[in-house]
Amino acid sequence: MFRIIGTFILVYLIFRVLTAYVFPWIVKWYLNRAKKKFYEQNPQAAESQHRKKKGDMTITYKDNTTRPDTEGLGEYTDFEDIKE
C-alpha cells in the first residue's frame, strides 16, 4: 500500500517539476528556433523590425486608385418593410 502511494507521490512531483521548469524551457527553445527559421526565409521582415525604435508608430495607407470590379454582380434592390 505504501509503495503505491509513494509511486503516486513521486509521479506527481516529477510532473510538477516538468511542468514548472522543463516544458517552458522546451517551448521557449522551439519558438526561438521557429523565429530564426522564419527570419531566414523572410529577410525583409527582419529588416523592417530592426529599423523601428521602441514606441515609434507608422501609418500605412492603402492605395485607393484601383477599384474592385463590380461588373456581373447584379443590380441593387431596395427592400422596404410592409406593415400589415
Protein backbone atom coordinates (compact mmCIF):
# COMPACT_ATOMS: atom_id res chain seq x y z
CA MET A 1 0.00 0.00 0.00
CA PHE A 2 2.81 2.42 0.90
CA ARG A 3 4.59 1.51 -2.31
CA ILE A 4 1.57 2.55 -4.44
CA ILE A 5 1.11 5.82 -2.54
CA GLY A 6 4.85 6.55 -2.81
CA THR A 7 4.74 5.89 -6.55
CA PHE A 8 1.82 8.31 -6.99
CA ILE A 9 3.60 11.00 -4.96
CA LEU A 10 6.81 10.51 -6.96
CA VAL A 11 4.94 10.72 -10.29
CA TYR A 12 3.13 13.85 -9.07
CA LEU A 13 6.39 15.55 -8.04
CA ILE A 14 8.09 14.66 -11.33
CA PHE A 15 5.10 16.03 -13.24
CA ARG A 16 5.23 19.27 -11.22
CA VAL A 17 8.92 19.74 -11.94
CA LEU A 18 8.41 19.03 -15.64
CA THR A 19 5.54 21.49 -16.00
CA ALA A 20 7.24 24.23 -13.98
CA TYR A 21 10.75 24.12 -15.45
CA VAL A 22 11.32 21.70 -18.32
CA PHE A 23 8.25 22.26 -20.54
CA PRO A 24 8.56 26.10 -20.59
CA TRP A 25 12.24 25.78 -21.48
CA ILE A 26 11.40 23.38 -24.33
CA VAL A 27 8.67 25.71 -25.65
CA LYS A 28 10.99 28.74 -25.49
CA TRP A 29 13.73 26.84 -27.34
CA TYR A 30 11.27 25.68 -30.02
CA LEU A 31 9.82 29.19 -30.53
CA ASN A 32 13.28 30.74 -30.84
CA ARG A 33 14.19 28.10 -33.40
CA ALA A 34 11.00 28.77 -35.37
CA LYS A 35 11.59 32.54 -35.22
CA LYS A 36 15.14 32.11 -36.53
CA LYS A 37 13.90 29.90 -39.35
CA PHE A 38 11.17 32.42 -40.23
CA TYR A 39 13.63 35.32 -40.44
CA GLU A 40 15.99 33.23 -42.58
CA GLN A 41 13.17 32.62 -45.05
CA ASN A 42 11.86 36.23 -44.87
CA PRO A 43 14.83 38.60 -44.52
CA GLN A 44 12.68 41.63 -45.38
CA ALA A 45 10.66 41.06 -42.19
CA ALA A 46 13.81 41.17 -40.07
CA GLU A 47 14.96 44.40 -41.71
CA SER A 48 11.67 46.19 -41.11
CA GLN A 49 11.55 45.05 -37.49
CA HIS A 50 15.08 46.23 -36.68
CA ARG A 51 14.62 49.69 -38.22
CA LYS A 52 11.79 50.64 -35.85
CA LYS A 53 12.59 52.11 -32.49
CA LYS A 54 10.57 51.30 -29.42
CA GLY A 55 7.47 53.47 -29.29
CA ASP A 56 7.57 54.51 -32.97
CA MET A 57 4.29 54.38 -34.82
CA THR A 58 3.86 54.09 -38.56
CA ILE A 59 0.68 54.53 -40.54
CA THR A 60 0.37 52.96 -43.95
CA TYR A 61 -2.49 53.78 -46.28
CA LYS A 62 -3.92 51.51 -48.91
CA ASP A 63 -3.74 52.69 -52.48
CA ASN A 64 -7.30 53.66 -53.45
CA THR A 65 -6.58 54.14 -57.16
CA THR A 66 -7.78 50.66 -58.05
CA ARG A 67 -11.45 49.94 -57.61
CA PRO A 68 -12.94 46.48 -57.28
CA ASP A 69 -14.60 45.01 -60.35
CA THR A 70 -18.37 45.41 -59.90
CA GLU A 71 -19.36 44.05 -63.30
CA GLY A 72 -21.56 40.99 -63.16
CA LEU A 73 -22.56 41.41 -59.53
CA GLY A 74 -26.21 42.03 -60.38
CA GLU A 75 -28.39 45.02 -59.73
CA TYR A 76 -29.23 46.71 -56.45
CA THR A 77 -32.68 46.04 -54.99
CA ASP A 78 -34.04 48.22 -52.24
CA PHE A 79 -36.42 46.39 -49.94
CA GLU A 80 -39.00 48.08 -47.75
CA ASP A 81 -40.88 46.67 -44.80
CA ILE A 82 -44.62 46.47 -45.28
CA LYS A 83 -46.81 46.93 -42.23
CA GLU A 84 -49.98 44.87 -42.33
